[in-house]
Amino acid sequence: MSIVAWIVLGLVAGALAKLLLPGKDPGGLVVTTLIGIAGSFVGGWIASRVFHRSVSGQFFDLATWASAIGGALVLLILYRIFFGNSRR
């Protein structure tokens, strides 16, 4: 997949991660979107390196989507843990 496809996948994965993990994010929509994009790259890297699963294939592959959404969820949780109380 190309970088543009990973960015589009990250946007959708960030939105799905936000739906799966509701609540107020410290950074708002823009930061949540950037976390989704970064999470898709991190999830893809983990899937290819740790699980030896190729994610460079098709855009509509279930493993690619699962790794992107999982990476976005992990980064969103970490972001909330480290920066969740900064607005108080």
PDB file of N, CA and C in Angstrom:
ATOM      1  N   MET A   1       0.844  -1.176   0.000  1.00  0.00           N
ATOM      2  CA  MET A   1       0.000   0.000   0.000  1.00  0.00           C
ATOM      3  C   MET A   1       0.888   1.237   0.000  1.00  0.00           C
ATOM      4  N   SER A   2       0.348   2.298  -0.514  1.00  0.00           N
ATOM      5  CA  SER A   2       1.087   3.548  -0.570  1.00  0.00           C
ATOM      6  C   SER A   2       0.912   4.326   0.744  1.00  0.00           C
ATOM      7  N   ILE A   3       1.698   5.370   0.877  1.00  0.00           N
ATOM      8  CA  ILE A   3       1.611   6.221   2.065  1.00  0.00           C
ATOM      9  C   ILE A   3       0.230   6.878   2.150  1.00  0.00           C
ATOM     10  N   VAL A   4      -0.304   7.294   1.014  1.00  0.00           N
ATOM     11  CA  VAL A   4      -1.627   7.929   1.002  1.00  0.00           C
ATOM     12  C   VAL A   4      -2.694   6.954   1.490  1.00  0.00           C
ATOM     13  N   ALA A   5      -2.583   5.693   1.081  1.00  0.00           N
ATOM     14  CA  ALA A   5      -3.544   4.680   1.542  1.00  0.00           C
ATOM     15  C   ALA A   5      -3.431   4.485   3.046  1.00  0.00           C
ATOM     16  N   TRP A   6      -2.207   4.474   3.582  1.00  0.00           N
ATOM     17  CA  TRP A   6      -2.034   4.337   5.026  1.00  0.00           C
ATOM     18  C   TRP A   6      -2.600   5.542   5.772  1.00  0.00           C
ATOM     19  N   ILE A   7      -2.485   6.736   5.196  1.00  0.00           N
ATOM     20  CA  ILE A   7      -3.044   7.927   5.836  1.00  0.00           C
ATOM     21  C   ILE A   7      -4.577   7.856   5.846  1.00  0.00           C
ATOM     22  N   VAL A   8      -5.165   7.465   4.722  1.00  0.00           N
ATOM     23  CA  VAL A   8      -6.625   7.313   4.674  1.00  0.00           C
ATOM     24  C   VAL A   8      -7.076   6.238   5.656  1.00  0.00           C
ATOM     25  N   LEU A   9      -6.352   5.125   5.673  1.00  0.00           N
ATOM     26  CA  LEU A   9      -6.651   4.056   6.624  1.00  0.00           C
ATOM     27  C   LEU A   9      -6.521   4.561   8.054  1.00  0.00           C
ATOM     28  N   GLY A  10      -5.516   5.381   8.318  1.00  0.00           N
ATOM     29  CA  GLY A  10      -5.329   5.948   9.653  1.00  0.00           C
ATOM     30  C   GLY A  10      -6.441   6.877  10.065  1.00  0.00           C
ATOM     31  N   LEU A  11      -6.965   7.647   9.120  1.00  0.00           N
ATOM     32  CA  LEU A  11      -8.098   8.529   9.433  1.00  0.00           C
ATOM     33  C   LEU A  11      -9.321   7.718   9.849  1.00  0.00           C
ATOM     34  N   VAL A  12      -9.588   6.677   9.091  1.00  0.00           N
ATOM     35  CA  VAL A  12     -10.740   5.824   9.417  1.00  0.00           C
ATOM     36  C   VAL A  12     -10.480   5.055  10.710  1.00  0.00           C
ATOM     37  N   ALA A  13      -9.253   4.549  10.875  1.00  0.00           N
ATOM     38  CA  ALA A  13      -8.915   3.805  12.101  1.00  0.00           C
ATOM     39  C   ALA A  13      -8.997   4.701  13.320  1.00  0.00           C
ATOM     40  N   GLY A  14      -8.582   5.955  13.198  1.00  0.00           N
ATOM     41  CA  GLY A  14      -8.702   6.900  14.313  1.00  0.00           C
ATOM     42  C   GLY A  14     -10.142   7.172  14.683  1.00  0.00           C
ATOM     43  N   ALA A  15     -11.002   7.301  13.676  1.00  0.00           N
ATOM     44  CA  ALA A  15     -12.421   7.510  13.942  1.00  0.00           C
ATOM     45  C   ALA A  15     -13.044   6.285  14.601  1.00  0.00           C
ATOM     46  N   LEU A  16     -12.682   5.102  14.120  1.00  0.00           N
ATOM     47  CA  LEU A  16     -13.204   3.875  14.735  1.00  0.00           C
ATOM     48  C   LEU A  16     -12.672   3.693  16.153  1.00  0.00           C
ATOM     49  N   ALA A  17     -11.406   4.025  16.374  1.00  0.00           N
ATOM     50  CA  ALA A  17     -10.847   3.933  17.724  1.00  0.00           C
ATOM     51  C   ALA A  17     -11.562   4.895  18.663  1.00  0.00           C
ATOM     52  N   LYS A  18     -11.898   6.068  18.158  1.00  0.00           N
ATOM     53  CA  LYS A  18     -12.632   7.037  18.972  1.00  0.00           C
ATOM     54  C   LYS A  18     -14.028   6.528  19.299  1.00  0.00           C
ATOM     55  N   LEU A  19     -14.666   5.843  18.353  1.00  0.00           N
ATOM     56  CA  LEU A  19     -15.980   5.260  18.628  1.00  0.00           C
ATOM     57  C   LEU A  19     -15.893   4.125  19.644  1.00  0.00           C
ATOM     58  N   LEU A  20     -14.824   3.334  19.569  1.00  0.00           N
ATOM     59  CA  LEU A  20     -14.654   2.222  20.502  1.00  0.00           C
ATOM     60  C   LEU A  20     -14.223   2.682  21.888  1.00  0.00           C
ATOM     61  N   LEU A  21     -13.605   3.856  21.964  1.00  0.00           N
ATOM     62  CA  LEU A  21     -13.095   4.384  23.220  1.00  0.00           C
ATOM     63  C   LEU A  21     -13.666   5.790  23.434  1.00  0.00           C
ATOM     64  N   PRO A  22     -14.949   5.881  23.771  1.00  0.00           N
ATOM     65  CA  PRO A  22     -15.565   7.209  23.884  1.00  0.00           C
ATOM     66  C   PRO A  22     -15.041   7.967  25.093  1.00  0.00           C
ATOM     67  N   GLY A  23     -15.288   9.222  25.087  1.00  0.00           N
ATOM     68  CA  GLY A  23     -14.865  10.084  26.182  1.00  0.00           C
ATOM     69  C   GLY A  23     -14.179  11.314  25.637  1.00  0.00           C
ATOM     70  N   LYS A  24     -13.839  12.206  26.534  1.00  0.00           N
ATOM     71  CA  LYS A  24     -13.209  13.456  26.130  1.00  0.00           C
ATOM     72  C   LYS A  24     -11.708  13.252  25.975  1.00  0.00           C
ATOM     73  N   ASP A  25     -11.217  13.584  24.804  1.00  0.00           N
ATOM     74  CA  ASP A  25      -9.783  13.518  24.562  1.00  0.00           C
ATOM     75  C   ASP A  25      -9.150  14.857  24.884  1.00  0.00           C
ATOM     76  N   PRO A  26      -7.946  14.841  25.430  1.00  0.00           N
ATOM     77  CA  PRO A  26      -7.295  16.101  25.795  1.00  0.00           C
ATOM     78  C   PRO A  26      -6.951  16.984  24.604  1.00  0.00           C
ATOM     79  N   GLY A  27      -6.772  16.415  23.419  1.00  0.00           N
ATOM     80  CA  GLY A  27      -6.335  17.213  22.283  1.00  0.00           C
ATOM     81  C   GLY A  27      -7.419  17.552  21.294  1.00  0.00           C
ATOM     82  N   GLY A  28      -8.558  16.951  21.389  1.00  0.00           N
ATOM     83  CA  GLY A  28      -9.631  17.226  20.463  1.00  0.00           C
ATOM     84  C   GLY A  28      -9.562  16.385  19.203  1.00  0.00           C
ATOM     85  N   LEU A  29     -10.304  16.809  18.198  1.00  0.00           N
ATOM     86  CA  LEU A  29     -10.450  16.044  16.964  1.00  0.00           C
ATOM     87  C   LEU A  29      -9.154  15.963  16.160  1.00  0.00           C
ATOM     88  N   VAL A  30      -8.415  17.050  16.087  1.00  0.00           N
ATOM     89  CA  VAL A  30      -7.190  17.065  15.280  1.00  0.00           C
ATOM     90  C   VAL A  30      -6.155  16.099  15.852  1.00  0.00           C
ATOM     91  N   VAL A  31      -5.943  16.146  17.147  1.00  0.00           N
ATOM     92  CA  VAL A  31      -4.964  15.262  17.774  1.00  0.00           C
ATOM     93  C   VAL A  31      -5.413  13.810  17.684  1.00  0.00           C
ATOM     94  N   THR A  32      -6.696  13.555  17.853  1.00  0.00           N
ATOM     95  CA  THR A  32      -7.220  12.197  17.727  1.00  0.00           C
ATOM     96  C   THR A  32      -7.013  11.666  16.311  1.00  0.00           C
ATOM     97  N   THR A  33      -7.201  12.523  15.316  1.00  0.00           N
ATOM     98  CA  THR A  33      -6.962  12.130  13.931  1.00  0.00           C
ATOM     99  C   THR A  33      -5.491  11.824  13.691  1.00  0.00           C
ATOM    100  N   LEU A  34      -4.603  12.662  14.197  1.00  0.00           N
ATOM    101  CA  LEU A  34      -3.160  12.410  14.042  1.00  0.00           C
ATOM    102  C   LEU A  34      -2.736  11.141  14.770  1.00  0.00           C
ATOM    103  N   ILE A  35      -3.333  10.876  15.919  1.00  0.00           N
ATOM    104  CA  ILE A  35      -3.051   9.639  16.640  1.00  0.00           C
ATOM    105  C   ILE A  35      -3.532   8.443  15.836  1.00  0.00           C
ATOM    106  N   GLY A  36      -4.662   8.572  15.169  1.00  0.00           N
ATOM    107  CA  GLY A  36      -5.155   7.494  14.316  1.00  0.00           C
ATOM    108  C   GLY A  36      -4.213   7.199  13.164  1.00  0.00           C
ATOM    109  N   ILE A  37      -3.681   8.245  12.540  1.00  0.00           N
ATOM    110  CA  ILE A  37      -2.727   8.052  11.447  1.00  0.00           C
ATOM    111  C   ILE A  37      -1.455   7.407  11.963  1.00  0.00           C
ATOM    112  N   ALA A  38      -0.928   7.912  13.072  1.00  0.00           N
ATOM    113  CA  ALA A  38       0.279   7.314  13.655  1.00  0.00           C
ATOM    114  C   ALA A  38       0.019   5.883  14.101  1.00  0.00           C
ATOM    115  N   GLY A  39      -1.168   5.636  14.645  1.00  0.00           N
ATOM    116  CA  GLY A  39      -1.517   4.288  15.089  1.00  0.00           C
ATOM    117  C   GLY A  39      -1.593   3.296  13.954  1.00  0.00           C
ATOM    118  N   SER A  40      -2.022   3.748  12.784  1.00  0.00           N
ATOM    119  CA  SER A  40      -2.054   2.829  11.650  1.00  0.00           C
ATOM    120  C   SER A  40      -0.650   2.440  11.229  1.00  0.00           C
ATOM    121  N   PHE A  41       0.278   3.389  11.264  1.00  0.00           N
ATOM    122  CA  PHE A  41       1.663   3.061  10.942  1.00  0.00           C
ATOM    123  C   PHE A  41       2.272   2.144  11.999  1.00  0.00           C
ATOM    124  N   VAL A  42       2.032   2.447  13.277  1.00  0.00           N
ATOM    125  CA  VAL A  42       2.572   1.613  14.363  1.00  0.00           C
ATOM    126  C   VAL A  42       1.968   0.219  14.321  1.00  0.00           C
ATOM    127  N   GLY A  43       0.668   0.130  14.134  1.00  0.00           N
ATOM    128  CA  GLY A  43       0.008  -1.178  14.045  1.00  0.00           C
ATOM    129  C   GLY A  43       0.500  -1.985  12.869  1.00  0.00           C
ATOM    130  N   GLY A  44       0.702  -1.336  11.732  1.00  0.00           N
ATOM    131  CA  GLY A  44       1.239  -2.030  10.565  1.00  0.00           C
ATOM    132  C   GLY A  44       2.661  -2.509  10.779  1.00  0.00           C
ATOM    133  N   TRP A  45       3.461  -1.685  11.445  1.00  0.00           N
ATOM    134  CA  TRP A  45       4.840  -2.073  11.727  1.00  0.00           C
ATOM    135  C   TRP A  45       4.885  -3.256  12.690  1.00  0.00           C
ATOM    136  N   ILE A  46       4.066  -3.210  13.739  1.00  0.00           N
ATOM    137  CA  ILE A  46       4.033  -4.314  14.708  1.00  0.00           C
ATOM    138  C   ILE A  46       3.549  -5.595  14.036  1.00  0.00           C
ATOM    139  N   ALA A  47       2.525  -5.494  13.210  1.00  0.00           N
ATOM    140  CA  ALA A  47       2.007  -6.682  12.529  1.00  0.00           C
ATOM    141  C   ALA A  47       3.044  -7.295  11.605  1.00  0.00           C
ATOM    142  N   SER A  48       3.830  -6.465  10.934  1.00  0.00           N
ATOM    143  CA  SER A  48       4.818  -7.004  10.007  1.00  0.00           C
ATOM    144  C   SER A  48       6.065  -7.509  10.714  1.00  0.00           C
ATOM    145  N   ARG A  49       6.480  -6.872  11.777  1.00  0.00           N
ATOM    146  CA  ARG A  49       7.722  -7.268  12.462  1.00  0.00           C
ATOM    147  C   ARG A  49       7.515  -8.356  13.509  1.00  0.00           C
ATOM    148  N   VAL A  50       6.529  -8.197  14.338  1.00  0.00           N
ATOM    149  CA  VAL A  50       6.337  -9.123  15.452  1.00  0.00           C
ATOM    150  C   VAL A  50       5.558 -10.368  15.029  1.00  0.00           C
ATOM    151  N   PHE A  51       4.472 -10.147  14.290  1.00  0.00           N
ATOM    152  CA  PHE A  51       3.605 -11.264  13.921  1.00  0.00           C
ATOM    153  C   PHE A  51       3.919 -11.832  12.540  1.00  0.00           C
ATOM    154  N   HIS A  52       4.884 -11.235  11.861  1.00  0.00           N
ATOM    155  CA  HIS A  52       5.302 -11.678  10.523  1.00  0.00           C
ATOM    156  C   HIS A  52       4.122 -11.746   9.568  1.00  0.00           C
ATOM    157  N   ARG A  53       3.245 -10.760   9.666  1.00  0.00           N
ATOM    158  CA  ARG A  53       2.054 -10.672   8.820  1.00  0.00           C
ATOM    159  C   ARG A  53       2.253  -9.517   7.844  1.00  0.00           C
ATOM    160  N   SER A  54       2.172  -9.786   6.569  1.00  0.00           N
ATOM    161  CA  SER A  54       2.345  -8.754   5.568  1.00  0.00           C
ATOM    162  C   SER A  54       1.119  -7.854   5.531  1.00  0.00           C
ATOM    163  N   VAL A  55       1.344  -6.569   5.666  1.00  0.00           N
ATOM    164  CA  VAL A  55       0.247  -5.608   5.603  1.00  0.00           C
ATOM    165  C   VAL A  55       0.400  -4.697   4.389  1.00  0.00           C
ATOM    166  N   SER A  56       1.268  -5.061   3.482  1.00  0.00           N
ATOM    167  CA  SER A  56       1.495  -4.223   2.312  1.00  0.00           C
ATOM    168  C   SER A  56       0.643  -4.657   1.130  1.00  0.00           C
ATOM    169  N   GLY A  57      -0.286  -5.540   1.364  1.00  0.00           N
ATOM    170  CA  GLY A  57      -1.134  -6.067   0.292  1.00  0.00           C
ATOM    171  C   GLY A  57      -2.274  -5.138  -0.062  1.00  0.00           C
ATOM    172  N   GLN A  58      -3.457  -5.653   0.015  1.00  0.00           N
ATOM    173  CA  GLN A  58      -4.638  -4.907  -0.398  1.00  0.00           C
ATOM    174  C   GLN A  58      -5.128  -3.977   0.698  1.00  0.00           C
ATOM    175  N   PHE A  59      -5.857  -2.959   0.261  1.00  0.00           N
ATOM    176  CA  PHE A  59      -6.392  -1.968   1.191  1.00  0.00           C
ATOM    177  C   PHE A  59      -7.494  -2.553   2.055  1.00  0.00           C
ATOM    178  N   PHE A  60      -8.276  -3.477   1.534  1.00  0.00           N
ATOM    179  CA  PHE A  60      -9.416  -4.022   2.257  1.00  0.00           C
ATOM    180  C   PHE A  60      -9.114  -5.366   2.906  1.00  0.00           C
ATOM    181  N   ASP A  61      -7.888  -5.570   3.343  1.00  0.00           N
ATOM    182  CA  ASP A  61      -7.494  -6.793   4.033  1.00  0.00           C
ATOM    183  C   ASP A  61      -7.849  -6.658   5.510  1.00  0.00           C
ATOM    184  N   LEU A  62      -8.464  -7.699   6.075  1.00  0.00           N
ATOM    185  CA  LEU A  62      -8.908  -7.647   7.472  1.00  0.00           C
ATOM    186  C   LEU A  62      -7.733  -7.469   8.437  1.00  0.00           C
ATOM    187  N   ALA A  63      -6.620  -8.125   8.173  1.00  0.00           N
ATOM    188  CA  ALA A  63      -5.453  -7.998   9.049  1.00  0.00           C
ATOM    189  C   ALA A  63      -4.892  -6.580   9.032  1.00  0.00           C
ATOM    190  N   THR A  64      -4.914  -5.944   7.886  1.00  0.00           N
ATOM    191  CA  THR A  64      -4.436  -4.565   7.788  1.00  0.00           C
ATOM    192  C   THR A  64      -5.311  -3.633   8.608  1.00  0.00           C
ATOM    193  N   TRP A  65      -6.614  -3.789   8.487  1.00  0.00           N
ATOM    194  CA  TRP A  65      -7.538  -2.950   9.243  1.00  0.00           C
ATOM    195  C   TRP A  65      -7.439  -3.213  10.740  1.00  0.00           C
ATOM    196  N   ALA A  66      -7.333  -4.481  11.124  1.00  0.00           N
ATOM    197  CA  ALA A  66      -7.230  -4.824  12.549  1.00  0.00           C
ATOM    198  C   ALA A  66      -5.957  -4.248  13.155  1.00  0.00           C
ATOM    199  N   SER A  67      -4.853  -4.328  12.432  1.00  0.00           N
ATOM    200  CA  SER A  67      -3.601  -3.790  12.964  1.00  0.00           C
ATOM    201  C   SER A  67      -3.648  -2.270  13.050  1.00  0.00           C
ATOM    202  N   ALA A  68      -4.268  -1.617  12.084  1.00  0.00           N
ATOM    203  CA  ALA A  68      -4.367  -0.156  12.121  1.00  0.00           C
ATOM    204  C   ALA A  68      -5.272   0.315  13.258  1.00  0.00           C
ATOM    205  N   ILE A  69      -6.411  -0.326  13.423  1.00  0.00           N
ATOM    206  CA  ILE A  69      -7.326   0.057  14.501  1.00  0.00           C
ATOM    207  C   ILE A  69      -6.710  -0.269  15.859  1.00  0.00           C
ATOM    208  N   GLY A  70      -6.060  -1.416  15.963  1.00  0.00           N
ATOM    209  CA  GLY A  70      -5.391  -1.772  17.218  1.00  0.00           C
ATOM    210  C   GLY A  70      -4.287  -0.794  17.574  1.00  0.00           C
ATOM    211  N   GLY A  71      -3.496  -0.402  16.593  1.00  0.00           N
ATOM    212  CA  GLY A  71      -2.443   0.589  16.841  1.00  0.00           C
ATOM    213  C   GLY A  71      -3.010   1.929  17.251  1.00  0.00           C
ATOM    214  N   ALA A  72      -4.107   2.346  16.618  1.00  0.00           N
ATOM    215  CA  ALA A  72      -4.750   3.607  16.985  1.00  0.00           C
ATOM    216  C   ALA A  72      -5.319   3.545  18.398  1.00  0.00           C
ATOM    217  N   LEU A  73      -5.913   2.414  18.760  1.00  0.00           N
ATOM    218  CA  LEU A  73      -6.438   2.255  20.123  1.00  0.00           C
ATOM    219  C   LEU A  73      -5.323   2.335  21.160  1.00  0.00           C
ATOM    220  N   VAL A  74      -4.227   1.648  20.894  1.00  0.00           N
ATOM    221  CA  VAL A  74      -3.109   1.658  21.843  1.00  0.00           C
ATOM    222  C   VAL A  74      -2.555   3.069  22.012  1.00  0.00           C
ATOM    223  N   LEU A  75      -2.340   3.772  20.913  1.00  0.00           N
ATOM    224  CA  LEU A  75      -1.809   5.129  21.023  1.00  0.00           C
ATOM    225  C   LEU A  75      -2.795   6.080  21.681  1.00  0.00           C
ATOM    226  N   LEU A  76      -4.080   5.909  21.415  1.00  0.00           N
ATOM    227  CA  LEU A  76      -5.084   6.759  22.047  1.00  0.00           C
ATOM    228  C   LEU A  76      -5.152   6.507  23.551  1.00  0.00           C
ATOM    229  N   ILE A  77      -5.060   5.265  23.955  1.00  0.00           N
ATOM    230  CA  ILE A  77      -5.043   4.943  25.390  1.00  0.00           C
ATOM    231  C   ILE A  77      -3.803   5.527  26.056  1.00  0.00           C
ATOM    232  N   LEU A  78      -2.650   5.359  25.424  1.00  0.00           N
ATOM    233  CA  LEU A  78      -1.413   5.922  25.979  1.00  0.00           C
ATOM    234  C   LEU A  78      -1.475   7.446  26.055  1.00  0.00           C
ATOM    235  N   TYR A  79      -2.049   8.063  25.041  1.00  0.00           N
ATOM    236  CA  TYR A  79      -2.187   9.518  25.051  1.00  0.00           C
ATOM    237  C   TYR A  79      -3.086   9.979  26.197  1.00  0.00           C
ATOM    238  N   ARG A  80      -4.171   9.266  26.416  1.00  0.00           N
ATOM    239  CA  ARG A  80      -5.062   9.633  27.524  1.00  0.00           C
ATOM    240  C   ARG A  80      -4.398   9.414  28.880  1.00  0.00           C
ATOM    241  N   ILE A  81      -3.585   8.369  28.996  1.00  0.00           N
ATOM    242  CA  ILE A  81      -2.903   8.113  30.260  1.00  0.00           C
ATOM    243  C   ILE A  81      -1.906   9.224  30.574  1.00  0.00           C
ATOM    244  N   PHE A  82      -1.108   9.609  29.571  1.00  0.00           N
ATOM    245  CA  PHE A  82      -0.049  10.583  29.819  1.00  0.00           C
ATOM    246  C   PHE A  82      -0.515  12.032  29.795  1.00  0.00           C
ATOM    247  N   PHE A  83      -1.525  12.351  28.993  1.00  0.00           N
ATOM    248  CA  PHE A  83      -1.943  13.744  28.851  1.00  0.00           C
ATOM    249  C   PHE A  83      -3.398  13.979  29.209  1.00  0.00           C
ATOM    250  N   GLY A  84      -4.056  13.026  29.823  1.00  0.00           N
ATOM    251  CA  GLY A  84      -5.479  13.133  30.109  1.00  0.00           C
ATOM    252  C   GLY A  84      -5.837  14.204  31.123  1.00  0.00           C
ATOM    253  N   ASN A  85      -4.972  14.478  32.064  1.00  0.00           N
ATOM    254  CA  ASN A  85      -5.287  15.424  33.127  1.00  0.00           C
ATOM    255  C   ASN A  85      -4.665  16.798  32.896  1.00  0.00           C
ATOM    256  N   SER A  86      -4.133  17.044  31.708  1.00  0.00           N
ATOM    257  CA  SER A  86      -3.428  18.306  31.475  1.00  0.00           C
ATOM    258  C   SER A  86      -4.364  19.504  31.339  1.00  0.00           C
ATOM    259  N   ARG A  87      -5.649  19.295  31.115  1.00  0.00           N
ATOM    260  CA  ARG A  87      -6.595  20.401  30.957  1.00  0.00           C
ATOM    261  C   ARG A  87      -7.167  20.887  32.277  1.00  0.00           C
ATOM    262  N   ARG A  88      -6.938  20.188  33.335  1.00  0.00           N
ATOM    263  CA  ARG A  88      -7.538  20.569  34.626  1.00  0.00           C
ATOM    264  C   ARG A  88      -6.794  21.684  35.279  1.00  0.00           C
TER     265      ARG A  88
END
